[in-house]
Amino acid sequence: MDNQNLIDMANRIGDFFESMPDHEEALAGVADHIRRFWEPRMRRALLATLDEPDANGVAMSGFVKEALIKHREQLTPAAPSTI
């Protein structure tokens, strides 16, 4: 999975929601969009980038980073069952 592409997509989502007048609602909007429309492996990969130092390439916007950190628990997919 291309983490730089995921960060770029998340930044574009953040650009849309960041224009909302209510900051908390905007943060929740980013998280809700990613939770509803991104598959679990995409969310896992994006959340993993929060724990890595910034690498060369596309940097995650501060707004998106804030949204992911604030809503990390709800964005983290459930562990796959091993039945």
C-alpha atoms as a PDB file:
ATOM      1  CA  MET A   1       0.000   0.000   0.000  1.00  0.00           C
ATOM      2  CA  ASP A   2       1.380   3.406  -0.976  1.00  0.00           C
ATOM      3  CA  ASN A   3       1.387   5.454   2.228  1.00  0.00           C
ATOM      4  CA  GLN A   4       2.145   8.674   0.362  1.00  0.00           C
ATOM      5  CA  ASN A   5      -1.008   8.207  -1.730  1.00  0.00           C
ATOM      6  CA  LEU A   6      -3.062   7.548   1.407  1.00  0.00           C
ATOM      7  CA  ILE A   7      -1.690  10.702   3.035  1.00  0.00           C
ATOM      8  CA  ASP A   8      -2.448  12.706  -0.111  1.00  0.00           C
ATOM      9  CA  MET A   9      -6.034  11.403  -0.161  1.00  0.00           C
ATOM     10  CA  ALA A  10      -6.469  12.136   3.560  1.00  0.00           C
ATOM     11  CA  ASN A  11      -5.114  15.669   3.021  1.00  0.00           C
ATOM     12  CA  ARG A  12      -7.667  16.279   0.263  1.00  0.00           C
ATOM     13  CA  ILE A  13     -10.453  15.102   2.582  1.00  0.00           C
ATOM     14  CA  GLY A  14      -9.041  17.395   5.261  1.00  0.00           C
ATOM     15  CA  ASP A  15      -8.984  20.349   2.845  1.00  0.00           C
ATOM     16  CA  PHE A  16     -12.722  19.925   2.315  1.00  0.00           C
ATOM     17  CA  PHE A  17     -13.681  19.650   5.984  1.00  0.00           C
ATOM     18  CA  GLU A  18     -11.230  22.259   7.282  1.00  0.00           C
ATOM     19  CA  SER A  19     -13.338  25.038   5.739  1.00  0.00           C
ATOM     20  CA  MET A  20     -16.223  24.240   8.098  1.00  0.00           C
ATOM     21  CA  PRO A  21     -16.803  26.913  10.749  1.00  0.00           C
ATOM     22  CA  ASP A  22     -17.007  24.432  13.665  1.00  0.00           C
ATOM     23  CA  HIS A  23     -13.518  22.993  14.203  1.00  0.00           C
ATOM     24  CA  GLU A  24     -14.643  19.970  16.250  1.00  0.00           C
ATOM     25  CA  GLU A  25     -17.342  19.100  13.721  1.00  0.00           C
ATOM     26  CA  ALA A  26     -14.768  19.357  10.943  1.00  0.00           C
ATOM     27  CA  LEU A  27     -12.373  16.999  12.746  1.00  0.00           C
ATOM     28  CA  ALA A  28     -15.204  14.524  13.272  1.00  0.00           C
ATOM     29  CA  GLY A  29     -16.130  14.854   9.585  1.00  0.00           C
ATOM     30  CA  VAL A  30     -12.647  13.816   8.459  1.00  0.00           C
ATOM     31  CA  ALA A  31     -12.637  10.831  10.791  1.00  0.00           C
ATOM     32  CA  ASP A  32     -16.168   9.780   9.869  1.00  0.00           C
ATOM     33  CA  HIS A  33     -15.437   9.966   6.145  1.00  0.00           C
ATOM     34  CA  ILE A  34     -12.310   7.842   6.486  1.00  0.00           C
ATOM     35  CA  ARG A  35     -14.077   5.342   8.774  1.00  0.00           C
ATOM     36  CA  ARG A  36     -17.057   4.947   6.444  1.00  0.00           C
ATOM     37  CA  PHE A  37     -15.355   4.898   3.048  1.00  0.00           C
ATOM     38  CA  TRP A  38     -11.864   3.471   3.555  1.00  0.00           C
ATOM     39  CA  GLU A  39     -11.331  -0.236   3.900  1.00  0.00           C
ATOM     40  CA  PRO A  40      -9.686  -1.491   7.120  1.00  0.00           C
ATOM     41  CA  ARG A  41      -6.224  -2.089   5.634  1.00  0.00           C
ATOM     42  CA  MET A  42      -6.147   1.490   4.292  1.00  0.00           C
ATOM     43  CA  ARG A  43      -7.079   2.845   7.735  1.00  0.00           C
ATOM     44  CA  ARG A  44      -4.440   0.663   9.440  1.00  0.00           C
ATOM     45  CA  ALA A  45      -1.759   1.892   7.036  1.00  0.00           C
ATOM     46  CA  LEU A  46      -2.752   5.542   7.457  1.00  0.00           C
ATOM     47  CA  LEU A  47      -2.823   5.294  11.246  1.00  0.00           C
ATOM     48  CA  ALA A  48       0.593   3.595  11.190  1.00  0.00           C
ATOM     49  CA  THR A  49       2.035   6.702   9.509  1.00  0.00           C
ATOM     50  CA  LEU A  50       1.195   8.683  12.657  1.00  0.00           C
ATOM     51  CA  ASP A  51       3.833   6.696  14.519  1.00  0.00           C
ATOM     52  CA  GLU A  52       6.546   7.213  11.882  1.00  0.00           C
ATOM     53  CA  PRO A  53       8.754  10.274  11.566  1.00  0.00           C
ATOM     54  CA  ASP A  54       7.936  12.385   8.531  1.00  0.00           C
ATOM     55  CA  ALA A  55       9.540  10.832   5.483  1.00  0.00           C
ATOM     56  CA  ASN A  56      10.300  12.406   2.141  1.00  0.00           C
ATOM     57  CA  GLY A  57       7.229  12.933   0.030  1.00  0.00           C
ATOM     58  CA  VAL A  58       3.758  14.150   0.898  1.00  0.00           C
ATOM     59  CA  ALA A  59       3.449  15.459   4.449  1.00  0.00           C
ATOM     60  CA  MET A  60       0.245  14.934   6.394  1.00  0.00           C
ATOM     61  CA  SER A  61      -1.487  18.214   7.164  1.00  0.00           C
ATOM     62  CA  GLY A  62      -1.683  19.250  10.786  1.00  0.00           C
ATOM     63  CA  PHE A  63      -5.475  19.308  10.557  1.00  0.00           C
ATOM     64  CA  VAL A  64      -5.683  15.707   9.315  1.00  0.00           C
ATOM     65  CA  LYS A  65      -3.138  14.589  11.909  1.00  0.00           C
ATOM     66  CA  GLU A  66      -5.234  16.228  14.641  1.00  0.00           C
ATOM     67  CA  ALA A  67      -8.386  14.481  13.370  1.00  0.00           C
ATOM     68  CA  LEU A  68      -6.686  11.080  13.241  1.00  0.00           C
ATOM     69  CA  ILE A  69      -5.169  11.400  16.705  1.00  0.00           C
ATOM     70  CA  LYS A  70      -8.411  12.631  18.253  1.00  0.00           C
ATOM     71  CA  HIS A  71     -10.501   9.865  16.632  1.00  0.00           C
ATOM     72  CA  ARG A  72      -7.882   7.114  16.459  1.00  0.00           C
ATOM     73  CA  GLU A  73      -9.903   4.654  18.526  1.00  0.00           C
ATOM     74  CA  GLN A  74     -12.984   4.825  16.287  1.00  0.00           C
ATOM     75  CA  LEU A  75     -10.802   4.630  13.147  1.00  0.00           C
ATOM     76  CA  THR A  76      -8.874   1.554  14.263  1.00  0.00           C
ATOM     77  CA  PRO A  77     -10.413  -1.505  12.601  1.00  0.00           C
ATOM     78  CA  ALA A  78     -11.352  -4.453  14.752  1.00  0.00           C
ATOM     79  CA  ALA A  79      -8.806  -7.241  14.788  1.00  0.00           C
ATOM     80  CA  PRO A  80      -9.603  -9.909  12.213  1.00  0.00           C
ATOM     81  CA  SER A  81     -11.223 -13.002  13.679  1.00  0.00           C
ATOM     82  CA  THR A  82      -9.172 -16.176  13.678  1.00  0.00           C
ATOM     83  CA  ILE A  83     -12.001 -18.660  13.451  1.00  0.00           C
END
